[in-house]
Amino acid sequence: MCPRGDWILRKWAFLYSAAAIAVVGCGGSGTGNSHSSGTPGNGKTGVITVKLSNSTTTPPGAIEVAYLTGQGRAPGDLTAVVQQLRFNDAYGEVTNPLAPLTTCPLAGFQDNIVRIDVPFTTTAYGLPSRVFTSFILDFLQFDEETDSPAVGDFTIISEPIGFPKTFPAAVRVLPGRVTSLPVFIDDSMFSIDATNPLLVDFNANQFELANGLTEPLTTSTPMKAFLSDFVSFNLNSVPAAQVPVLLPTTNIAGGTSAVRVFFSGDVYGVADASNNFEALTLNPFLPVGGRLGPAGILNGANGTLPHAGTYSLLQYNPTDLTQTLQIVAGQGIWREHKTVLQTTTSTGAPSLLGAGAYVISFPSSSDNNMQELVAFVQDANQNISTLYYGFVDMDALTFFLYPVSDIMSGSTAGQLTGVIPTVPATKANPNPTAAALYDKSGNPTTNPDLVRTGGYQFNSSDGSATVATGLGFTGTKFTVFRL
């Protein structure tokens, strides 16, 4: 039995901690916009094409910096004004010089997002991801509210002396995916200088404490970003006894059955038919509650492309004595599994996945050997009847799967185990030793960030193979959710 506490239920730990802080004062190969797990064929072979864009070139990834502010509002309060973001790695600087102004009232609980696209088409062509190890804290100006002649007037003040400031960060961006970086700023960190009313002072200790930084500042304790875009899997045909049940949390009574489960590589979530959303934390009894916004379809010159739905994580406003008003502690997007996991016809055209069994893995923001794993069986209308989730270890060449009913508690009941086998034998190589992990060109690889497909087989020794066959997991190939 594999203990899952550190891997499975740590998923929302960073964001849950972030929300809690807010409440108390939280080199690869390939081009193009999709990749396929193999030759098109029957659904039971597990053939999947990952589709994240209609573009004919590799789409950019995105960084969404969420400036999370906190406390009340009154004359003299400061508003930080953000415009330009700058991130640097070995492949150049990424910036957004034409971005609109974003105002962040330091004394008000808000989630202010500034987005920047990260290209993979020039100096970073073909990379599996880009990693940025620092965050530049920079403001265009500060606005100080006044109480005369009218409420809402303000005085413009320059950012503190010594700015911009650079802090260690861990921000990984994958093509076509969205990475979120929470940045906590409030009026305990920025204040008007006692002797110069046109100068803002910066309390670095308060900023570092709120953002999980420790002195001396090193990359071993960075500001951490995470993959915030979800893939949603419906539970339309999963037997009622196997469906997770939501728990009581912020503005959610609990007790309702989930109709969707969500995976990103970093995070798990569930939602019910009323669009109540819960993100899981280390504590299985304390999910973070929120709401879903619907997904839909967009029509364009290059065809149709489903647009993502949205989610918002909510917390009660600590300044509200009635504890009825809520604040947004985090937000992001989600996509239907049938819109991003597809197959191709014999002519190469995209097509919805047919009836059959499929297995997909999700890289994390660490992009290491450990990846989330989802195995599901669906009918011809993409209604899922069986779903297991867990993880695959591409170094140990093992995987573990659990019934979706366990996702709330983190129980290991019903565990299935398996291995990644060696590549098939050939006349030229009758005794292969390489693991069946393949890059985008179909060549064996031992680098997890280059893996696009892999083989899998359930263990017979513990009965997993027999159970898996009975569940309909008859395939032998999994696909990685990345371009």
Protein backbone atom coordinates (compact mmCIF):
# COMPACT_ATOMS: atom_id res chain seq x y z
CA MET A 1 0.00 0.00 0.00
CA CYS A 2 1.35 3.41 -0.94
CA PRO A 3 0.89 6.27 1.57
CA ARG A 4 -0.60 9.26 -0.22
CA GLY A 5 -0.59 11.99 2.41
CA ASP A 6 2.37 13.93 1.04
CA TRP A 7 1.56 13.50 -2.65
CA ILE A 8 -2.19 13.25 -3.06
CA LEU A 9 -3.56 15.62 -0.44
CA ARG A 10 -0.87 18.27 -0.44
CA LYS A 11 -2.36 19.62 -3.64
CA TRP A 12 -4.01 22.79 -2.42
CA ALA A 13 -1.79 23.25 0.63
CA PHE A 14 -0.05 26.32 -0.75
CA LEU A 15 -3.26 27.97 -1.88
CA TYR A 16 -5.14 27.02 1.28
CA SER A 17 -2.36 28.56 3.35
CA ALA A 18 -2.51 31.61 1.13
CA ALA A 19 -6.23 31.96 1.67
CA ALA A 20 -5.75 31.54 5.40
CA ILE A 21 -3.14 34.29 5.50
CA ALA A 22 -5.51 36.59 3.63
CA VAL A 23 -8.28 35.82 6.07
CA VAL A 24 -6.22 36.52 9.18
CA GLY A 25 -4.53 39.50 7.80
CA CYS A 26 -2.86 33.22 1.99
CA GLY A 27 14.53 21.11 -23.07
CA GLY A 28 12.11 18.93 -25.17
CA SER A 29 11.09 18.20 -28.71
CA GLY A 30 8.17 19.00 -30.93
CA THR A 31 6.17 21.81 -32.45
CA GLY A 32 2.54 22.57 -33.11
CA ASN A 33 -0.52 22.83 -30.92
CA SER A 34 -1.23 19.18 -30.13
CA HIS A 35 0.32 15.76 -29.81
CA SER A 36 -1.09 12.29 -30.20
CA SER A 37 -0.34 9.15 -28.23
CA GLY A 38 -0.08 7.02 -31.33
CA THR A 39 -1.68 5.87 -34.54
CA PRO A 40 -5.41 6.66 -34.66
CA GLY A 41 -7.57 3.68 -33.81
CA ASN A 42 -10.26 2.24 -31.57
CA GLY A 43 -10.88 4.08 -28.31
CA LYS A 44 -9.89 1.03 -26.31
CA THR A 45 -6.29 1.48 -27.41
CA GLY A 46 -6.20 4.73 -25.41
CA VAL A 47 -5.30 7.01 -28.31
CA ILE A 48 -5.43 10.64 -27.11
CA THR A 49 -4.49 13.92 -28.76
CA VAL A 50 -3.94 16.86 -26.40
CA LYS A 51 -5.54 19.95 -27.94
CA LEU A 52 -5.00 23.34 -26.28
CA SER A 53 -5.18 25.72 -29.24
CA ASN A 54 -6.28 26.09 -32.87
CA SER A 55 -2.95 27.71 -33.67
CA THR A 56 -0.63 26.01 -36.15
CA THR A 57 2.36 26.93 -33.98
CA THR A 58 3.13 26.18 -30.36
CA PRO A 59 0.87 28.43 -28.29
CA PRO A 60 2.29 30.53 -25.47
CA GLY A 61 1.89 29.63 -21.85
CA ALA A 62 0.64 32.26 -19.45
CA ILE A 63 1.62 33.63 -16.06
CA GLU A 64 -1.14 35.20 -14.02
CA VAL A 65 0.26 37.19 -11.12
CA ALA A 66 -2.50 37.52 -8.52
CA TYR A 67 -1.94 40.51 -6.25
CA LEU A 68 -3.93 39.60 -3.14
CA THR A 69 -4.59 42.56 -0.85
CA GLY A 70 -6.23 42.79 2.57
CA GLN A 71 -7.92 44.89 5.37
CA GLY A 72 -10.49 47.85 5.41
CA ARG A 73 -10.63 51.20 3.55
CA ALA A 74 -10.37 54.77 4.90
CA PRO A 75 -8.82 58.16 4.07
CA GLY A 76 -5.06 57.84 3.89
CA ASP A 77 -5.18 54.30 2.52
CA LEU A 78 -2.72 53.42 -0.23
CA THR A 79 -3.46 51.84 -3.59
CA ALA A 80 -0.56 50.17 -5.40
CA VAL A 81 -0.73 50.59 -9.18
CA VAL A 82 0.77 47.76 -11.25
CA GLN A 83 1.37 47.79 -14.99
CA GLN A 84 4.41 45.99 -16.34
CA LEU A 85 5.60 42.51 -15.41
CA ARG A 86 9.08 41.26 -16.24
CA PHE A 87 10.33 37.69 -16.03
CA ASN A 88 13.78 36.53 -17.15
CA ASP A 89 15.27 33.13 -17.91
CA ALA A 90 18.13 31.82 -20.04
CA TYR A 91 16.04 32.38 -23.18
CA GLY A 92 15.36 36.06 -22.67
CA GLU A 93 13.06 38.52 -20.97
CA VAL A 94 9.28 38.21 -21.08
CA THR A 95 7.36 41.42 -20.48
CA ASN A 96 4.02 43.15 -21.14
CA PRO A 97 4.82 46.85 -21.72
CA LEU A 98 1.36 47.67 -23.09
CA ALA A 99 -0.60 46.13 -20.22
CA PRO A 100 -3.37 48.28 -18.72
CA LEU A 101 -3.03 49.73 -15.23
CA THR A 102 -4.16 47.48 -12.39
CA THR A 103 -5.02 49.17 -9.11
CA CYS A 104 -4.55 47.17 -5.91
CA PRO A 105 -6.10 48.80 -2.80
CA LEU A 106 -3.75 47.64 -0.06
CA ALA A 107 -6.40 47.84 2.66
CA GLY A 108 -9.15 46.05 0.74
CA PHE A 109 -9.52 42.33 0.15
CA GLN A 110 -9.14 41.93 -3.60
CA ASP A 111 -7.66 39.49 -6.09
CA ASN A 112 -6.11 41.60 -8.86
CA ILE A 113 -4.70 39.57 -11.75
CA VAL A 114 -2.05 40.77 -14.19
CA ARG A 115 -1.45 38.36 -17.08
CA ILE A 116 1.59 37.91 -19.27
CA ASP A 117 2.05 35.46 -22.18
CA VAL A 118 5.24 33.41 -22.33
CA PRO A 119 6.27 32.52 -25.91
CA PHE A 120 7.75 29.22 -27.09
CA THR A 121 8.26 30.10 -30.76
CA THR A 122 11.62 31.91 -31.00
CA THR A 123 14.53 31.48 -28.59
CA ALA A 124 12.52 28.98 -26.53
CA TYR A 125 11.40 26.95 -29.55
CA GLY A 126 10.70 23.30 -28.71
CA LEU A 127 11.21 23.61 -24.96
CA PRO A 128 8.91 21.49 -22.75
CA SER A 129 8.66 24.38 -20.30
CA ARG A 130 10.28 27.63 -19.19
CA VAL A 131 11.33 28.26 -15.61
CA PHE A 132 11.65 31.67 -13.99
CA THR A 133 13.51 31.78 -10.68
CA SER A 134 12.80 35.35 -9.61
CA PHE A 135 9.90 37.74 -9.25
CA ILE A 136 10.40 41.47 -9.73
CA LEU A 137 8.17 43.47 -7.39
CA ASP A 138 7.55 46.72 -9.23
CA PHE A 139 4.88 49.42 -9.14
CA LEU A 140 4.11 52.27 -11.49
CA GLN A 141 3.02 54.45 -8.57
CA PHE A 142 1.05 54.56 -5.31
CA ASP A 143 -2.19 56.48 -4.94
CA GLU A 144 -3.01 57.88 -1.48
CA GLU A 145 -6.69 58.47 -0.83
CA THR A 146 -7.70 61.84 0.57
CA ASP A 147 -10.85 63.02 2.35
CA SER A 148 -11.03 66.40 0.62
CA PRO A 149 -12.41 67.95 -1.45
CA ALA A 150 -14.31 64.74 -2.24
CA VAL A 151 -14.07 61.10 -1.32
CA GLY A 152 -12.17 59.23 -4.00
CA ASP A 153 -9.54 61.88 -4.66
CA PHE A 154 -5.95 60.76 -4.29
CA THR A 155 -2.33 61.90 -4.27
CA ILE A 156 0.16 60.16 -6.57
CA ILE A 157 3.35 58.97 -4.85
CA SER A 158 6.37 57.22 -6.35
CA GLU A 159 7.22 53.66 -5.36
CA PRO A 160 9.62 53.19 -2.40
CA ILE A 161 13.33 53.95 -2.65
CA GLY A 162 15.27 50.93 -3.89
CA PHE A 163 12.46 49.59 -6.06
CA PRO A 164 12.06 47.44 -8.12
CA LYS A 165 12.87 44.59 -5.69
CA THR A 166 13.73 41.07 -6.79
CA PHE A 167 12.68 38.00 -4.81
CA PRO A 168 13.36 34.29 -5.40
CA ALA A 169 10.50 32.49 -7.11
CA ALA A 170 9.63 29.17 -8.71
CA VAL A 171 7.49 29.86 -11.77
CA ARG A 172 7.24 27.12 -14.38
CA VAL A 173 5.26 27.73 -17.58
CA LEU A 174 4.15 25.03 -20.03
CA PRO A 175 2.91 25.75 -23.57
CA GLY A 176 -0.84 26.26 -23.65
CA ARG A 177 -1.17 26.10 -19.84
CA VAL A 178 -1.77 28.77 -17.18
CA THR A 179 0.52 29.25 -14.18
CA SER A 180 -0.59 31.41 -11.25
CA LEU A 181 1.72 33.21 -8.84
CA PRO A 182 0.04 34.59 -5.68
CA VAL A 183 1.68 37.80 -4.41
CA PHE A 184 0.42 39.10 -1.07
CA ILE A 185 0.60 42.84 -0.53
CA ASP A 186 -1.19 44.92 2.12
CA ASP A 187 -0.92 48.09 4.17
CA SER A 188 1.36 46.47 6.74
CA MET A 189 4.09 46.36 4.06
CA PHE A 190 3.67 49.83 2.53
CA SER A 191 3.03 53.03 4.48
CA ILE A 192 3.53 56.78 4.18
CA ASP A 193 6.88 57.86 5.61
CA ALA A 194 6.48 59.60 8.97
CA THR A 195 8.70 62.53 7.98
CA ASN A 196 8.01 62.78 4.25
CA PRO A 197 4.36 62.50 3.12
CA LEU A 198 5.47 62.05 -0.50
CA LEU A 199 7.51 58.94 0.27
CA VAL A 200 6.30 55.34 0.70
CA ASP A 201 8.21 53.06 3.08
CA PHE A 202 8.50 49.32 2.42
CA ASN A 203 8.51 46.74 5.24
CA ALA A 204 10.42 43.89 3.62
CA ASN A 205 9.99 41.61 6.63
CA GLN A 206 6.21 41.76 6.40
CA PHE A 207 6.27 41.07 2.66
CA GLU A 208 8.59 38.10 3.09
CA LEU A 209 6.52 36.66 5.93
CA ALA A 210 3.25 36.87 3.98
CA ASN A 211 4.80 35.36 0.85
CA GLY A 212 6.60 32.44 2.48
CA LEU A 213 10.11 33.87 2.09
CA THR A 214 12.87 33.54 4.67
CA GLU A 215 16.17 35.30 5.16
CA PRO A 216 18.66 34.90 3.66
CA LEU A 217 16.69 34.99 0.42
CA THR A 218 17.57 31.93 -1.66
CA THR A 219 15.92 29.79 -4.33
CA SER A 220 15.44 27.03 -1.71
CA THR A 221 12.51 29.00 -0.22
CA PRO A 222 10.95 30.80 -3.20
CA MET A 223 7.58 32.35 -3.88
CA LYS A 224 5.75 29.40 -5.41
CA ALA A 225 3.58 29.41 -8.51
CA PHE A 226 1.25 26.59 -9.49
CA LEU A 227 -0.64 25.27 -12.51
CA SER A 228 -4.09 26.79 -12.07
CA ASP A 229 -5.93 25.61 -15.18
CA PHE A 230 -8.01 22.48 -14.61
CA VAL A 231 -9.27 19.68 -16.79
CA SER A 232 -12.77 18.63 -15.70
CA PHE A 233 -13.98 15.03 -15.92
CA ASN A 234 -17.73 14.43 -15.70
CA LEU A 235 -19.14 11.73 -13.43
CA ASN A 236 -22.33 11.40 -15.50
CA SER A 237 -22.51 7.60 -15.48
CA VAL A 238 -20.45 6.75 -12.40
CA PRO A 239 -22.56 4.71 -9.93
CA ALA A 240 -23.92 6.89 -7.12
CA ALA A 241 -22.10 4.90 -4.43
CA GLN A 242 -18.77 5.71 -6.08
CA VAL A 243 -19.35 9.47 -6.45
CA PRO A 244 -17.55 11.85 -4.03
CA VAL A 245 -19.68 13.99 -1.73
CA LEU A 246 -18.89 17.66 -1.07
CA LEU A 247 -18.09 18.72 2.50
CA PRO A 248 -19.34 21.75 4.46
CA THR A 249 -17.10 24.76 3.84
CA THR A 250 -17.37 28.46 2.94
CA ASN A 251 -20.97 29.07 1.81
CA ILE A 252 -21.39 25.37 0.95
CA ALA A 253 -23.63 23.22 3.12
CA GLY A 254 -22.06 20.00 1.88
CA GLY A 255 -23.70 16.63 1.43
CA THR A 256 -24.28 17.02 -2.32
CA SER A 257 -22.85 14.60 -4.87
CA ALA A 258 -20.07 15.72 -7.17
CA VAL A 259 -20.82 15.85 -10.87
CA ARG A 260 -17.27 16.80 -11.87
CA VAL A 261 -13.73 16.19 -10.66
CA PHE A 262 -10.82 18.42 -11.63
CA PHE A 263 -7.09 17.83 -12.16
CA SER A 264 -4.27 20.21 -13.10
CA GLY A 265 -1.07 18.42 -12.10
CA ASP A 266 -0.82 20.45 -8.91
CA VAL A 267 -4.39 20.43 -7.61
CA TYR A 268 -7.57 18.37 -7.21
CA GLY A 269 -11.11 19.71 -7.03
CA VAL A 270 -14.76 18.65 -7.13
CA ALA A 271 -18.02 20.40 -8.03
CA ASP A 272 -21.71 19.63 -7.66
CA ALA A 273 -24.68 20.26 -9.95
CA SER A 274 -25.23 23.72 -8.42
CA ASN A 275 -21.70 24.79 -9.43
CA ASN A 276 -20.39 24.71 -5.88
CA PHE A 277 -16.67 24.05 -6.14
CA GLU A 278 -14.29 22.62 -3.55
CA ALA A 279 -10.50 22.49 -3.79
CA LEU A 280 -8.71 19.90 -1.67
CA THR A 281 -6.10 20.64 1.01
CA LEU A 282 -3.81 18.63 3.24
CA ASN A 283 -6.69 18.38 5.69
CA PRO A 284 -9.40 16.24 4.06
CA PHE A 285 -12.00 17.89 6.31
CA LEU A 286 -11.09 21.45 5.28
CA PRO A 287 -11.51 21.98 1.55
CA VAL A 288 -11.54 25.52 0.15
CA GLY A 289 -14.98 26.39 -1.20
CA GLY A 290 -15.87 28.44 -4.22
CA ARG A 291 -17.98 28.75 -7.36
CA LEU A 292 -17.76 27.65 -10.99
CA GLY A 293 -18.50 29.75 -14.06
CA PRO A 294 -19.68 27.88 -17.19
CA ALA A 295 -17.62 26.87 -20.19
CA GLY A 296 -18.83 27.31 -23.78
CA ILE A 297 -17.96 27.29 -27.49
CA LEU A 298 -16.33 30.03 -29.58
CA ASN A 299 -16.43 30.14 -33.38
CA GLY A 300 -13.54 31.56 -35.36
CA ALA A 301 -11.78 31.60 -38.71
CA ASN A 302 -9.88 28.41 -37.87
CA GLY A 303 -12.94 26.55 -36.62
CA THR A 304 -14.52 26.15 -33.21
CA LEU A 305 -12.67 26.22 -29.92
CA PRO A 306 -14.38 25.70 -26.58
CA HIS A 307 -13.71 28.55 -24.21
CA ALA A 308 -12.76 27.75 -20.66
CA GLY A 309 -15.01 28.05 -17.66
CA THR A 310 -13.85 29.86 -14.54
CA TYR A 311 -13.64 29.09 -10.84
CA SER A 312 -13.29 31.35 -7.82
CA LEU A 313 -12.18 30.28 -4.34
CA LEU A 314 -13.99 32.18 -1.59
CA GLN A 315 -13.30 33.04 2.04
CA TYR A 316 -15.34 35.01 4.55
CA ASN A 317 -14.33 38.67 4.85
CA PRO A 318 -12.68 39.00 8.30
CA THR A 319 -13.83 42.62 8.60
CA ASP A 320 -17.49 41.58 8.35
CA LEU A 321 -18.81 40.89 11.85
CA THR A 322 -21.77 38.97 10.42
CA GLN A 323 -19.44 36.59 8.55
CA THR A 324 -21.70 36.60 5.52
CA LEU A 325 -19.70 38.71 3.05
CA GLN A 326 -17.06 36.85 1.06
CA ILE A 327 -13.78 37.67 -0.63
CA VAL A 328 -12.06 35.98 -3.56
CA ALA A 329 -8.95 34.12 -2.40
CA GLY A 330 -8.03 32.67 -5.79
CA GLN A 331 -9.36 32.08 -9.28
CA GLY A 332 -8.57 30.36 -12.55
CA ILE A 333 -9.99 28.45 -15.51
CA TRP A 334 -11.19 24.94 -16.29
CA ARG A 335 -11.84 22.99 -19.50
CA GLU A 336 -14.05 20.00 -20.29
CA HIS A 337 -12.02 16.82 -20.81
CA LYS A 338 -13.73 16.16 -24.15
CA THR A 339 -12.53 19.51 -25.52
CA VAL A 340 -8.83 19.07 -24.74
CA LEU A 341 -8.48 15.28 -24.91
CA GLN A 342 -9.37 14.21 -28.42
CA THR A 343 -8.26 11.84 -31.15
CA THR A 344 -7.61 12.15 -34.89
CA THR A 345 -9.32 10.56 -37.85
CA SER A 346 -7.51 8.68 -40.63
CA THR A 347 -7.23 12.03 -42.46
CA GLY A 348 -5.68 13.75 -39.44
CA ALA A 349 -8.78 15.77 -38.51
CA PRO A 350 -9.57 16.18 -34.80
CA SER A 351 -12.39 14.09 -33.41
CA LEU A 352 -13.99 13.48 -30.02
CA LEU A 353 -12.78 10.47 -28.09
CA GLY A 354 -15.00 7.47 -28.69
CA ALA A 355 -16.18 4.83 -26.27
CA GLY A 356 -13.31 3.13 -24.47
CA ALA A 357 -10.74 3.31 -21.70
CA TYR A 358 -8.13 6.07 -21.50
CA VAL A 359 -5.28 7.03 -19.20
CA ILE A 360 -3.81 10.53 -18.98
CA SER A 361 -1.04 11.94 -16.75
CA PHE A 362 -0.64 15.56 -15.65
CA PRO A 363 2.81 17.09 -15.04
CA SER A 364 3.13 19.27 -11.96
CA SER A 365 4.75 22.69 -11.67
CA SER A 366 7.89 20.85 -10.53
CA ASP A 367 7.85 18.93 -13.84
CA ASN A 368 9.62 15.99 -12.26
CA ASN A 369 9.13 12.22 -12.21
CA MET A 370 5.87 12.42 -10.23
CA GLN A 371 2.70 13.12 -12.21
CA GLU A 372 -0.99 12.90 -11.47
CA LEU A 373 -2.67 10.00 -13.26
CA VAL A 374 -6.31 9.69 -14.31
CA ALA A 375 -7.83 6.52 -15.79
CA PHE A 376 -11.40 6.59 -17.07
CA VAL A 377 -13.92 4.65 -19.11
CA GLN A 378 -16.51 6.53 -21.18
CA ASP A 379 -19.26 5.84 -23.68
CA ALA A 380 -19.62 7.23 -27.21
CA ASN A 381 -21.18 10.43 -25.81
CA GLN A 382 -18.22 11.08 -23.51
CA ASN A 383 -20.17 10.13 -20.37
CA ILE A 384 -17.72 8.66 -17.87
CA SER A 385 -18.78 5.49 -16.03
CA THR A 386 -15.55 4.65 -14.20
CA LEU A 387 -12.80 6.98 -12.99
CA TYR A 388 -9.69 6.24 -10.97
CA TYR A 389 -7.02 8.76 -10.05
CA GLY A 390 -3.56 8.62 -8.52
CA PHE A 391 0.01 9.12 -9.63
CA VAL A 392 2.79 7.70 -11.77
CA ASP A 393 6.47 7.73 -10.85
CA MET A 394 8.54 7.87 -14.04
CA ASP A 395 11.76 7.10 -12.17
CA ALA A 396 10.52 4.11 -10.18
CA LEU A 397 8.40 3.07 -13.22
CA THR A 398 5.37 2.40 -11.03
CA PHE A 399 1.85 3.80 -10.74
CA PHE A 400 -0.96 3.77 -8.21
CA LEU A 401 -4.65 4.39 -8.85
CA TYR A 402 -7.59 4.87 -6.47
CA PRO A 403 -11.38 5.03 -6.92
CA VAL A 404 -12.68 8.55 -7.39
CA SER A 405 -14.81 8.01 -4.30
CA ASP A 406 -11.58 8.24 -2.25
CA ILE A 407 -10.64 11.70 -3.50
CA MET A 408 -12.17 13.62 -0.58
CA SER A 409 -10.70 11.50 2.21
CA GLY A 410 -7.44 10.45 0.59
CA SER A 411 -8.16 6.86 1.53
CA THR A 412 -6.11 4.10 -0.11
CA ALA A 413 -9.06 1.70 -0.21
CA GLY A 414 -9.42 0.00 -3.56
CA GLN A 415 -5.86 0.75 -4.61
CA LEU A 416 -4.67 -0.57 -7.97
CA THR A 417 -0.96 -0.85 -8.74
CA GLY A 418 1.06 -1.28 -11.88
CA VAL A 419 4.32 -0.72 -13.70
CA ILE A 420 5.71 0.94 -16.79
CA PRO A 421 7.09 -2.01 -18.78
CA THR A 422 10.10 -2.10 -21.06
CA VAL A 423 9.82 -1.24 -24.74
CA PRO A 424 8.60 -4.10 -26.96
CA ALA A 425 11.19 -6.55 -28.13
CA THR A 426 12.33 -6.47 -31.77
CA LYS A 427 14.60 -8.59 -33.89
CA ALA A 428 17.27 -5.94 -33.57
CA ASN A 429 16.73 -5.70 -29.80
CA PRO A 430 15.25 -8.97 -28.51
CA ASN A 431 16.00 -8.15 -24.83
CA PRO A 432 15.18 -4.47 -24.38
CA THR A 433 15.92 -2.72 -21.09
CA ALA A 434 14.61 0.78 -21.83
CA ALA A 435 11.31 1.74 -20.18
CA ALA A 436 8.31 2.32 -22.43
CA LEU A 437 8.39 6.10 -22.07
CA TYR A 438 8.47 8.01 -25.35
CA ASP A 439 9.14 11.58 -26.46
CA LYS A 440 7.12 13.45 -29.06
CA SER A 441 9.00 11.79 -31.90
CA GLY A 442 8.27 8.33 -30.50
CA ASN A 443 11.79 7.67 -29.24
CA PRO A 444 12.41 6.18 -25.77
CA THR A 445 13.44 8.76 -23.19
CA THR A 446 14.32 8.78 -19.49
CA ASN A 447 13.62 12.51 -19.06
CA PRO A 448 10.17 13.01 -17.47
CA ASP A 449 9.71 16.45 -19.05
CA LEU A 450 10.20 14.97 -22.52
CA VAL A 451 7.74 12.11 -22.08
CA ARG A 452 4.58 12.43 -24.17
CA THR A 453 3.34 8.83 -24.06
CA GLY A 454 4.12 5.67 -22.15
CA GLY A 455 3.12 2.08 -21.67
CA TYR A 456 1.47 0.68 -18.57
CA GLN A 457 0.34 -2.65 -17.21
CA PHE A 458 -1.45 -3.54 -13.99
CA ASN A 459 0.16 -5.90 -11.50
CA SER A 460 -1.16 -9.44 -11.33
CA SER A 461 0.51 -10.31 -8.03
CA ASP A 462 -1.90 -8.21 -5.93
CA GLY A 463 -4.98 -8.77 -8.07
CA SER A 464 -4.89 -5.31 -9.69
CA ALA A 465 -4.86 -6.72 -13.23
CA THR A 466 -8.02 -8.75 -12.63
CA VAL A 467 -9.86 -5.82 -11.06
CA ALA A 468 -8.70 -3.43 -13.80
CA THR A 469 -9.96 -5.77 -16.53
CA GLY A 470 -13.32 -6.00 -14.81
CA LEU A 471 -13.49 -2.20 -14.70
CA GLY A 472 -12.81 -1.95 -18.42
CA PHE A 473 -9.20 -0.73 -18.24
CA THR A 474 -8.02 -2.77 -21.20
CA GLY A 475 -5.54 -0.35 -22.77
CA THR A 476 -1.76 -0.39 -22.58
CA LYS A 477 -0.81 3.22 -23.31
CA PHE A 478 -1.09 6.52 -21.42
CA THR A 479 -0.71 10.06 -22.70
CA VAL A 480 0.86 13.07 -20.97
CA PHE A 481 -1.21 16.25 -20.83
CA ARG A 482 1.25 18.57 -22.53
CA LEU A 483 2.08 19.77 -26.03
